[in-house]
Amino acid sequence: MSAEGRAGEAPPERDSWIAASGQVARWIGVELELHAPRTWHGPTWAMLGGVLSSGDVPLTLRSLVLLAVAWLVSEPLLGSSLLLAMQIGRMRQASRGAAVAEVRWTIPYARPDSPAQRALDRMAAQTGRALGEWRALQGAGERWLLLALITAVLSAVAGGYVPLVVLVALVVTLLTALGRPPRSGAREAMAAGQFMVAWLVGRSTFADPDYHTLLAGLALAVVWYAWTRRPPLAAALAAGQLLQAGLLAALHAPLLAGAVLLLTVPPLVLLPEGPSSQRTFLQHTQPYLMASLLAVAWGLVWPV
């Protein structure tokens, strides 16, 4: 992803945010990094896999429109909202102790030391701190609200369970903005969450998800999280792939389960020996993981 410090409060951290998803730039501008330095658009692949797992995509103009809407929601818009929320969290922490907006409320005929007036003073102080933090965001809060509104409206266009999935994702994103800046592991966990959301959005746009779809999405998110960590988590990556293979075997798709296991070998063999080889590891091993994703999506509909 592009640098997180674009808001001006923190230096660029390109190496720390390695899951290439959508990103925000210049007010409501949404920018896609088509030549991502580490990975190429995982959420897009997850969304396409979710669409494939639905098994029912008629070749009509309506389907193309829904596919475009699902991509906009799952990749650039949600990715941009997540990145902006993390920037807001850092900006809020950096603005601690900044000037507090002066707010004063009074009740007619109330004494200064009355319980009602003291309660109003406390509420006014909290409101003043919130207004001070909002002003310190330099417009980032308004941008996030607009992005969230656009995302919610487009998710309603997609229909089905998409609005519910997107609502949960936006709530998590809002909590990220209101909380402390996430550390490295938490950032990668949220990127894995976006990966799973993209999978569910793709599936829910054309068919209702079932528990097989949810289990597959969870396994894919575990793999994405383990693969993007620095260093990669080999045990978690293998566990996620084994879970996918086991799911396919349970669905009577032994050939596809075997294919997933075979596609697990290259990422494990090519595990980086140090931080300097992380870049080439991601670039060289992502095709195997994306191929296993498509195998899982295919097996959910057409077991082989």
Protein backbone atom coordinates (compact mmCIF):
# COMPACT_ATOMS: atom_id res chain seq x y z
CA MET A 1 0.00 0.00 0.00
CA SER A 2 1.11 3.60 -0.36
CA ALA A 3 2.63 5.47 2.54
CA GLU A 4 0.48 5.82 5.62
CA GLY A 5 1.93 9.15 6.65
CA ARG A 6 0.32 11.11 3.85
CA ALA A 7 -1.83 12.94 6.37
CA GLY A 8 1.27 14.75 7.62
CA GLU A 9 1.47 13.44 11.17
CA ALA A 10 3.73 10.44 10.71
CA PRO A 11 6.57 9.46 8.36
CA PRO A 12 5.94 7.04 5.51
CA GLU A 13 5.77 3.40 6.56
CA ARG A 14 5.67 1.60 3.22
CA ASP A 15 7.48 -1.45 4.55
CA SER A 16 5.14 -1.88 7.52
CA TRP A 17 1.92 -2.00 5.48
CA ILE A 18 2.43 -4.69 2.88
CA ALA A 19 -1.08 -5.81 1.98
CA ALA A 20 -1.84 -4.04 -1.29
CA SER A 21 -5.41 -2.85 -1.04
CA GLY A 22 -7.18 0.41 -1.89
CA GLN A 23 -5.97 3.67 -0.42
CA VAL A 24 -7.15 7.23 0.06
CA ALA A 25 -5.49 10.25 -1.53
CA ARG A 26 -6.30 13.95 -1.75
CA TRP A 27 -9.63 14.43 0.00
CA ILE A 28 -12.13 12.00 -1.50
CA GLY A 29 -9.76 10.85 -4.24
CA VAL A 30 -9.37 7.06 -4.31
CA GLU A 31 -6.08 5.85 -5.72
CA LEU A 32 -5.10 2.35 -6.81
CA GLU A 33 -1.44 1.41 -6.81
CA LEU A 34 -1.33 -0.69 -9.96
CA HIS A 35 2.36 -1.44 -9.49
CA ALA A 36 2.34 -2.31 -5.80
CA PRO A 37 5.88 -2.94 -4.56
CA ARG A 38 5.02 -6.09 -2.66
CA THR A 39 1.68 -7.65 -3.57
CA TRP A 40 -0.91 -7.24 -6.25
CA HIS A 41 -4.46 -6.59 -5.11
CA GLY A 42 -5.39 -9.48 -2.86
CA PRO A 43 -8.92 -8.20 -2.09
CA THR A 44 -9.70 -8.15 -5.81
CA TRP A 45 -8.71 -11.80 -6.09
CA ALA A 46 -10.74 -12.63 -2.99
CA MET A 47 -13.77 -10.86 -4.45
CA LEU A 48 -13.42 -12.73 -7.75
CA GLY A 49 -13.06 -15.99 -5.85
CA GLY A 50 -16.24 -15.22 -3.93
CA VAL A 51 -18.05 -14.54 -7.20
CA LEU A 52 -16.81 -17.84 -8.62
CA SER A 53 -17.97 -19.69 -5.49
CA SER A 54 -21.53 -18.46 -6.09
CA GLY A 55 -21.72 -20.57 -9.26
CA ASP A 56 -24.46 -18.38 -10.71
CA VAL A 57 -23.27 -15.32 -12.64
CA PRO A 58 -25.34 -14.83 -15.81
CA LEU A 59 -23.60 -13.00 -18.64
CA THR A 60 -25.81 -9.92 -18.60
CA LEU A 61 -25.27 -6.19 -18.29
CA ARG A 62 -26.74 -6.30 -14.78
CA SER A 63 -24.14 -8.87 -13.72
CA LEU A 64 -21.33 -6.68 -15.05
CA VAL A 65 -22.68 -3.69 -13.12
CA LEU A 66 -22.96 -5.75 -9.92
CA LEU A 67 -19.45 -7.08 -10.44
CA ALA A 68 -18.11 -3.54 -10.78
CA VAL A 69 -20.00 -2.43 -7.66
CA ALA A 70 -18.67 -5.40 -5.68
CA TRP A 71 -15.11 -4.56 -6.73
CA LEU A 72 -15.47 -0.88 -5.83
CA VAL A 73 -16.83 -1.75 -2.40
CA SER A 74 -14.35 -4.49 -1.51
CA GLU A 75 -11.10 -3.08 -2.90
CA PRO A 76 -10.70 0.71 -3.29
CA LEU A 77 -13.45 2.00 -0.99
CA LEU A 78 -13.05 -0.30 2.01
CA GLY A 79 -9.28 -0.24 1.61
CA SER A 80 -9.26 3.55 1.50
CA SER A 81 -11.54 3.75 4.54
CA LEU A 82 -9.29 1.40 6.49
CA LEU A 83 -6.10 3.28 5.64
CA LEU A 84 -7.72 6.62 6.44
CA ALA A 85 -9.00 5.26 9.76
CA MET A 86 -5.46 4.26 10.72
CA GLN A 87 -4.21 7.72 9.78
CA ILE A 88 -6.95 9.26 11.91
CA GLY A 89 -5.89 7.10 14.85
CA ARG A 90 -2.30 8.33 14.56
CA MET A 91 -3.42 11.95 14.15
CA ARG A 92 -5.65 11.71 17.23
CA GLN A 93 -2.79 10.37 19.29
CA ALA A 94 -0.45 13.07 18.00
CA SER A 95 -2.99 15.78 18.88
CA ARG A 96 -3.33 14.70 22.52
CA GLY A 97 -2.90 17.76 24.70
CA ALA A 98 -3.65 20.11 21.84
CA ALA A 99 -5.92 23.11 22.26
CA VAL A 100 -9.38 22.16 23.49
CA ALA A 101 -12.37 23.93 22.03
CA GLU A 102 -14.02 26.11 24.66
CA VAL A 103 -17.60 24.99 25.29
CA ARG A 104 -19.80 26.35 28.04
CA TRP A 105 -23.39 25.38 28.77
CA THR A 106 -25.60 26.84 31.48
CA ILE A 107 -29.08 26.29 32.85
CA PRO A 108 -31.19 29.36 33.65
CA TYR A 109 -31.34 30.07 37.38
CA ALA A 110 -28.98 27.16 38.16
CA ARG A 111 -26.29 27.71 40.77
CA PRO A 112 -22.67 27.19 39.62
CA ASP A 113 -22.17 24.40 42.16
CA SER A 114 -25.48 22.63 41.60
CA PRO A 115 -25.43 18.97 40.48
CA ALA A 116 -27.12 19.83 37.18
CA GLN A 117 -24.56 22.52 36.36
CA ARG A 118 -21.64 20.26 37.29
CA ALA A 119 -23.02 17.56 34.98
CA LEU A 120 -23.33 20.12 32.19
CA ASP A 121 -19.74 21.26 32.80
CA ARG A 122 -18.48 17.70 32.45
CA MET A 123 -20.44 17.22 29.24
CA ALA A 124 -19.14 20.53 27.91
CA ALA A 125 -15.55 19.57 28.72
CA GLN A 126 -15.93 16.24 26.88
CA THR A 127 -17.52 18.01 23.93
CA GLY A 128 -14.67 20.52 23.86
CA ARG A 129 -12.07 17.76 23.78
CA ALA A 130 -13.94 15.99 20.98
CA LEU A 131 -14.20 19.21 18.95
CA GLY A 132 -10.50 19.88 19.48
CA GLU A 133 -9.60 16.42 18.20
CA TRP A 134 -11.99 16.79 15.24
CA ARG A 135 -10.33 20.08 14.22
CA ALA A 136 -6.88 18.49 14.59
CA LEU A 137 -7.83 15.87 12.00
CA GLN A 138 -7.63 18.57 9.31
CA GLY A 139 -10.59 17.24 7.33
CA ALA A 140 -9.73 13.53 7.60
CA GLY A 141 -12.89 12.88 9.60
CA GLU A 142 -15.11 14.38 6.90
CA ARG A 143 -13.31 12.35 4.24
CA TRP A 144 -13.84 9.12 6.17
CA LEU A 145 -17.55 9.87 6.63
CA LEU A 146 -17.98 10.53 2.92
CA LEU A 147 -16.11 7.35 1.99
CA ALA A 148 -18.24 5.37 4.45
CA LEU A 149 -21.45 6.86 2.99
CA ILE A 150 -20.45 6.01 -0.58
CA THR A 151 -19.46 2.49 0.47
CA ALA A 152 -22.76 1.93 2.28
CA VAL A 153 -24.83 3.22 -0.67
CA LEU A 154 -23.01 1.02 -3.18
CA SER A 155 -23.32 -2.02 -0.91
CA ALA A 156 -27.08 -1.44 -0.88
CA VAL A 157 -27.01 -1.47 -4.68
CA ALA A 158 -25.33 -4.89 -4.60
CA GLY A 159 -28.09 -6.16 -2.30
CA GLY A 160 -28.27 -9.50 -0.55
CA TYR A 161 -26.05 -9.83 2.51
CA VAL A 162 -23.54 -7.31 1.12
CA PRO A 163 -24.89 -4.32 3.14
CA LEU A 164 -24.64 -6.34 6.38
CA VAL A 165 -21.08 -7.48 5.64
CA VAL A 166 -20.03 -3.95 4.72
CA LEU A 167 -21.72 -2.47 7.80
CA VAL A 168 -19.71 -4.78 10.07
CA ALA A 169 -16.52 -3.83 8.21
CA LEU A 170 -17.26 -0.11 8.55
CA VAL A 171 -17.95 -0.47 12.28
CA VAL A 172 -14.58 -2.18 12.74
CA THR A 173 -12.96 0.58 10.69
CA LEU A 174 -14.63 3.25 12.84
CA LEU A 175 -13.39 1.57 16.02
CA THR A 176 -9.91 1.60 14.49
CA ALA A 177 -10.15 5.36 13.98
CA LEU A 178 -11.40 5.92 17.53
CA GLY A 179 -8.85 3.64 19.19
CA ARG A 180 -5.11 3.63 19.48
CA PRO A 181 -2.98 3.37 16.33
CA PRO A 182 -2.69 -0.34 15.51
CA ARG A 183 0.69 -2.00 15.66
CA SER A 184 2.21 -4.05 12.86
CA GLY A 185 0.44 -7.32 13.65
CA ALA A 186 -2.91 -5.58 14.10
CA ARG A 187 -2.57 -3.78 10.76
CA GLU A 188 -1.94 -7.04 8.96
CA ALA A 189 -4.87 -8.65 10.79
CA MET A 190 -7.15 -5.86 9.55
CA ALA A 191 -5.83 -6.38 6.01
CA ALA A 192 -6.71 -10.06 6.36
CA GLY A 193 -10.15 -8.99 7.56
CA GLN A 194 -10.59 -6.90 4.42
CA PHE A 195 -9.53 -9.95 2.40
CA MET A 196 -12.31 -12.02 4.00
CA VAL A 197 -14.84 -9.21 3.57
CA ALA A 198 -13.98 -9.03 -0.14
CA TRP A 199 -14.56 -12.79 -0.43
CA LEU A 200 -17.95 -12.50 1.26
CA VAL A 201 -18.94 -9.46 -0.80
CA GLY A 202 -18.17 -11.32 -4.03
CA ARG A 203 -20.18 -14.34 -2.91
CA SER A 204 -23.10 -12.38 -1.43
CA THR A 205 -23.53 -10.25 -4.55
CA PHE A 206 -24.75 -13.27 -6.52
CA ALA A 207 -25.72 -15.90 -3.92
CA ASP A 208 -26.34 -16.16 -0.20
CA PRO A 209 -23.28 -17.37 1.73
CA ASP A 210 -23.38 -20.65 3.65
CA TYR A 211 -21.18 -22.01 6.40
CA HIS A 212 -18.83 -23.60 3.84
CA THR A 213 -18.26 -20.15 2.35
CA LEU A 214 -17.64 -18.64 5.78
CA LEU A 215 -15.19 -21.39 6.71
CA ALA A 216 -13.34 -21.01 3.41
CA GLY A 217 -13.17 -17.23 3.87
CA LEU A 218 -11.75 -17.65 7.38
CA ALA A 219 -9.08 -20.05 6.11
CA LEU A 220 -8.16 -17.66 3.30
CA ALA A 221 -7.87 -14.77 5.75
CA VAL A 222 -5.56 -16.83 7.98
CA VAL A 223 -3.36 -17.61 4.99
CA TRP A 224 -3.26 -13.96 3.90
CA TYR A 225 -2.37 -12.83 7.43
CA ALA A 226 0.37 -15.42 7.86
CA TRP A 227 1.79 -14.77 4.40
CA THR A 228 2.03 -10.97 4.79
CA ARG A 229 3.64 -10.99 8.23
CA ARG A 230 7.30 -10.12 8.55
CA PRO A 231 8.63 -12.74 8.81
CA PRO A 232 5.86 -14.97 7.39
CA LEU A 233 4.20 -17.34 9.84
CA ALA A 234 4.89 -20.72 8.26
CA ALA A 235 2.80 -22.74 10.72
CA ALA A 236 -0.28 -20.52 10.34
CA LEU A 237 0.09 -20.47 6.56
CA ALA A 238 0.26 -24.26 6.43
CA ALA A 239 -2.68 -24.56 8.84
CA GLY A 240 -4.84 -22.27 6.68
CA GLN A 241 -4.02 -24.22 3.55
CA LEU A 242 -4.70 -27.53 5.31
CA LEU A 243 -8.06 -26.19 6.43
CA GLN A 244 -8.94 -25.34 2.83
CA ALA A 245 -7.81 -28.77 1.62
CA GLY A 246 -9.80 -30.47 4.38
CA LEU A 247 -12.90 -28.50 3.44
CA LEU A 248 -12.55 -29.56 -0.19
CA ALA A 249 -12.03 -33.18 0.85
CA ALA A 250 -15.19 -33.02 2.95
CA LEU A 251 -17.05 -31.70 -0.09
CA HIS A 252 -15.82 -34.69 -2.13
CA ALA A 253 -13.32 -32.70 -4.19
CA PRO A 254 -10.12 -34.75 -3.69
CA LEU A 255 -8.33 -33.53 -6.81
CA LEU A 256 -8.78 -29.89 -5.85
CA ALA A 257 -7.77 -30.67 -2.25
CA GLY A 258 -4.58 -32.24 -3.57
CA ALA A 259 -3.99 -29.21 -5.79
CA VAL A 260 -4.25 -26.89 -2.77
CA LEU A 261 -1.72 -29.00 -0.87
CA LEU A 262 0.68 -28.97 -3.83
CA LEU A 263 0.31 -25.20 -4.16
CA THR A 264 1.27 -24.87 -0.49
CA VAL A 265 4.74 -26.34 -1.05
CA PRO A 266 6.35 -23.43 -3.00
CA PRO A 267 5.51 -20.71 -0.41
CA LEU A 268 6.89 -22.93 2.37
CA VAL A 269 10.03 -23.82 0.42
CA LEU A 270 10.66 -20.19 -0.56
CA LEU A 271 10.28 -18.76 2.94
CA PRO A 272 12.58 -15.71 3.23
CA GLU A 273 15.79 -16.11 5.17
CA GLY A 274 15.73 -12.48 6.32
CA PRO A 275 13.96 -9.12 5.94
CA SER A 276 15.87 -8.33 2.75
CA SER A 277 14.28 -11.24 0.88
CA GLN A 278 10.69 -10.49 1.98
CA ARG A 279 9.95 -8.44 -1.15
CA THR A 280 10.87 -11.19 -3.60
CA PHE A 281 9.11 -13.81 -1.46
CA LEU A 282 5.76 -12.04 -1.75
CA GLN A 283 6.11 -11.40 -5.46
CA HIS A 284 7.16 -14.96 -6.27
CA THR A 285 4.69 -16.85 -4.09
CA GLN A 286 1.42 -14.92 -4.51
CA PRO A 287 0.47 -16.76 -7.75
CA TYR A 288 0.43 -20.06 -5.85
CA LEU A 289 -1.84 -18.69 -3.12
CA MET A 290 -4.20 -17.04 -5.59
CA ALA A 291 -4.39 -20.28 -7.59
CA SER A 292 -5.31 -22.18 -4.43
CA LEU A 293 -7.99 -19.55 -3.72
CA LEU A 294 -9.55 -20.16 -7.12
CA ALA A 295 -9.35 -23.91 -6.53
CA VAL A 296 -11.27 -23.53 -3.28
CA ALA A 297 -13.87 -21.30 -4.94
CA TRP A 298 -14.30 -23.83 -7.76
CA GLY A 299 -14.59 -26.74 -5.35
CA LEU A 300 -17.40 -25.08 -3.39
CA VAL A 301 -19.59 -25.24 -6.49
CA TRP A 302 -18.18 -27.97 -8.74
CA PRO A 303 -16.39 -30.60 -6.60
CA VAL A 304 -13.71 -32.48 -8.52
